[in-house]
């Protein structure tokens, strides 16, 4: 069940990435920053949740 949740998160990141590439470098930089923030929070959450 945990894998399914992670897969959904991965698909969301890929989708955001594809949208960003279509809209040029400016929005891509903004979204990339958002993804890095989200990924950091997500990994922190997973560490706390899984341990």
N, C-alpha and C. Protein backbone atom coordinates (compact mmCIF):
# COMPACT_ATOMS: atom_id res chain seq x y z
N UNK A 1 0.84 -1.21 0.00
CA UNK A 1 0.00 0.00 0.00
C UNK A 1 0.87 1.25 0.00
N UNK A 2 1.99 1.18 0.72
CA UNK A 2 2.91 2.32 0.78
C UNK A 2 3.51 2.59 -0.60
N UNK A 3 3.80 1.50 -1.34
CA UNK A 3 4.36 1.65 -2.69
C UNK A 3 3.40 2.37 -3.62
N UNK A 4 2.12 2.08 -3.48
CA UNK A 4 1.10 2.71 -4.31
C UNK A 4 1.09 4.22 -4.08
N UNK A 5 1.19 4.61 -2.81
CA UNK A 5 1.19 6.03 -2.47
C UNK A 5 2.42 6.71 -3.08
N UNK A 6 3.57 6.05 -3.01
CA UNK A 6 4.80 6.62 -3.56
C UNK A 6 4.71 6.70 -5.08
N UNK A 7 4.07 5.72 -5.70
CA UNK A 7 3.90 5.73 -7.16
C UNK A 7 3.05 6.91 -7.60
N UNK A 8 1.96 7.16 -6.87
CA UNK A 8 1.11 8.31 -7.18
C UNK A 8 1.91 9.61 -7.09
N UNK A 9 2.74 9.72 -6.07
CA UNK A 9 3.57 10.91 -5.89
C UNK A 9 4.54 11.06 -7.06
N UNK A 10 5.13 9.94 -7.48
CA UNK A 10 6.06 9.96 -8.62
C UNK A 10 5.38 10.41 -9.90
N UNK A 11 4.18 9.89 -10.15
CA UNK A 11 3.45 10.29 -11.36
C UNK A 11 3.13 11.78 -11.34
N UNK A 12 2.79 12.30 -10.17
CA UNK A 12 2.50 13.73 -10.04
C UNK A 12 3.74 14.56 -10.39
N UNK A 13 4.91 14.12 -9.91
CA UNK A 13 6.15 14.84 -10.21
C UNK A 13 6.45 14.83 -11.70
N UNK A 14 6.26 13.66 -12.33
CA UNK A 14 6.52 13.55 -13.77
C UNK A 14 5.58 14.47 -14.55
N UNK A 15 4.31 14.48 -14.16
CA UNK A 15 3.32 15.33 -14.82
C UNK A 15 3.71 16.80 -14.70
N UNK A 16 4.08 17.22 -13.49
CA UNK A 16 4.50 18.61 -13.27
C UNK A 16 5.72 18.93 -14.13
N UNK A 17 6.65 17.99 -14.20
CA UNK A 17 7.85 18.18 -15.02
C UNK A 17 7.52 18.39 -16.48
N UNK A 18 6.60 17.58 -17.01
CA UNK A 18 6.21 17.69 -18.42
C UNK A 18 5.53 19.03 -18.70
N UNK A 19 4.64 19.43 -17.82
CA UNK A 19 3.96 20.73 -17.97
C UNK A 19 5.00 21.85 -17.95
N UNK A 20 5.93 21.76 -17.02
CA UNK A 20 6.95 22.80 -16.87
C UNK A 20 7.80 22.93 -18.14
N UNK A 21 8.18 21.81 -18.74
CA UNK A 21 9.02 21.85 -19.94
C UNK A 21 8.30 22.53 -21.10
N UNK A 22 7.00 22.37 -21.18
CA UNK A 22 6.22 22.99 -22.26
C UNK A 22 6.13 24.51 -22.08
N UNK A 23 6.21 24.98 -20.85
CA UNK A 23 6.00 26.40 -20.58
C UNK A 23 7.29 27.21 -20.47
N UNK A 24 8.41 26.59 -20.80
CA UNK A 24 9.66 27.35 -20.85
C UNK A 24 10.42 27.39 -19.54
N UNK A 25 11.62 27.95 -19.60
CA UNK A 25 12.57 27.86 -18.49
C UNK A 25 12.15 28.62 -17.22
N UNK A 26 11.43 29.73 -17.39
CA UNK A 26 11.09 30.54 -16.20
C UNK A 26 10.21 29.76 -15.23
N UNK A 27 9.10 29.25 -15.74
CA UNK A 27 8.18 28.49 -14.88
C UNK A 27 8.84 27.18 -14.44
N UNK A 28 9.71 26.66 -15.30
CA UNK A 28 10.40 25.42 -14.96
C UNK A 28 11.25 25.62 -13.72
N UNK A 29 11.93 26.75 -13.65
CA UNK A 29 12.78 27.05 -12.49
C UNK A 29 11.93 27.15 -11.22
N UNK A 30 10.80 27.81 -11.34
CA UNK A 30 9.90 27.99 -10.19
C UNK A 30 9.39 26.62 -9.71
N UNK A 31 8.91 25.81 -10.66
CA UNK A 31 8.33 24.52 -10.31
C UNK A 31 9.40 23.57 -9.77
N UNK A 32 10.61 23.65 -10.37
CA UNK A 32 11.71 22.81 -9.90
C UNK A 32 12.00 23.10 -8.43
N UNK A 33 11.97 24.38 -8.07
CA UNK A 33 12.18 24.78 -6.68
C UNK A 33 11.08 24.19 -5.80
N UNK A 34 9.84 24.27 -6.26
CA UNK A 34 8.71 23.71 -5.52
C UNK A 34 8.88 22.21 -5.32
N UNK A 35 9.31 21.51 -6.38
CA UNK A 35 9.49 20.06 -6.31
C UNK A 35 10.57 19.73 -5.29
N UNK A 36 11.66 20.49 -5.30
CA UNK A 36 12.75 20.23 -4.35
C UNK A 36 12.25 20.39 -2.92
N UNK A 37 11.48 21.44 -2.67
CA UNK A 37 10.90 21.66 -1.35
C UNK A 37 10.00 20.48 -0.97
N UNK A 38 9.10 20.10 -1.88
CA UNK A 38 8.15 19.02 -1.63
C UNK A 38 8.87 17.70 -1.39
N UNK A 39 9.88 17.43 -2.24
CA UNK A 39 10.62 16.18 -2.13
C UNK A 39 11.33 16.11 -0.78
N UNK A 40 11.91 17.22 -0.36
CA UNK A 40 12.60 17.25 0.93
C UNK A 40 11.62 16.96 2.07
N UNK A 41 10.47 17.62 2.05
CA UNK A 41 9.46 17.40 3.08
C UNK A 41 8.96 15.96 3.05
N UNK A 42 8.75 15.44 1.83
CA UNK A 42 8.25 14.08 1.64
C UNK A 42 9.23 13.06 2.20
N UNK A 43 10.52 13.24 1.88
CA UNK A 43 11.54 12.30 2.36
C UNK A 43 11.67 12.36 3.88
N UNK A 44 11.59 13.56 4.42
CA UNK A 44 11.64 13.72 5.88
C UNK A 44 10.46 12.99 6.52
N UNK A 45 9.28 13.17 5.93
CA UNK A 45 8.07 12.51 6.42
C UNK A 45 8.22 10.99 6.36
N UNK A 46 8.75 10.49 5.23
CA UNK A 46 8.91 9.05 5.06
C UNK A 46 9.88 8.48 6.10
N UNK A 47 10.96 9.21 6.37
CA UNK A 47 11.93 8.75 7.37
C UNK A 47 11.26 8.62 8.73
N UNK A 48 10.49 9.63 9.11
CA UNK A 48 9.82 9.62 10.40
C UNK A 48 8.75 8.53 10.43
N UNK A 49 8.00 8.41 9.34
CA UNK A 49 6.88 7.48 9.26
C UNK A 49 7.35 6.02 9.25
N UNK A 50 8.47 5.75 8.56
CA UNK A 50 8.91 4.36 8.37
C UNK A 50 9.77 3.85 9.53
N UNK A 51 10.41 4.74 10.25
CA UNK A 51 11.32 4.27 11.29
C UNK A 51 10.58 3.93 12.58
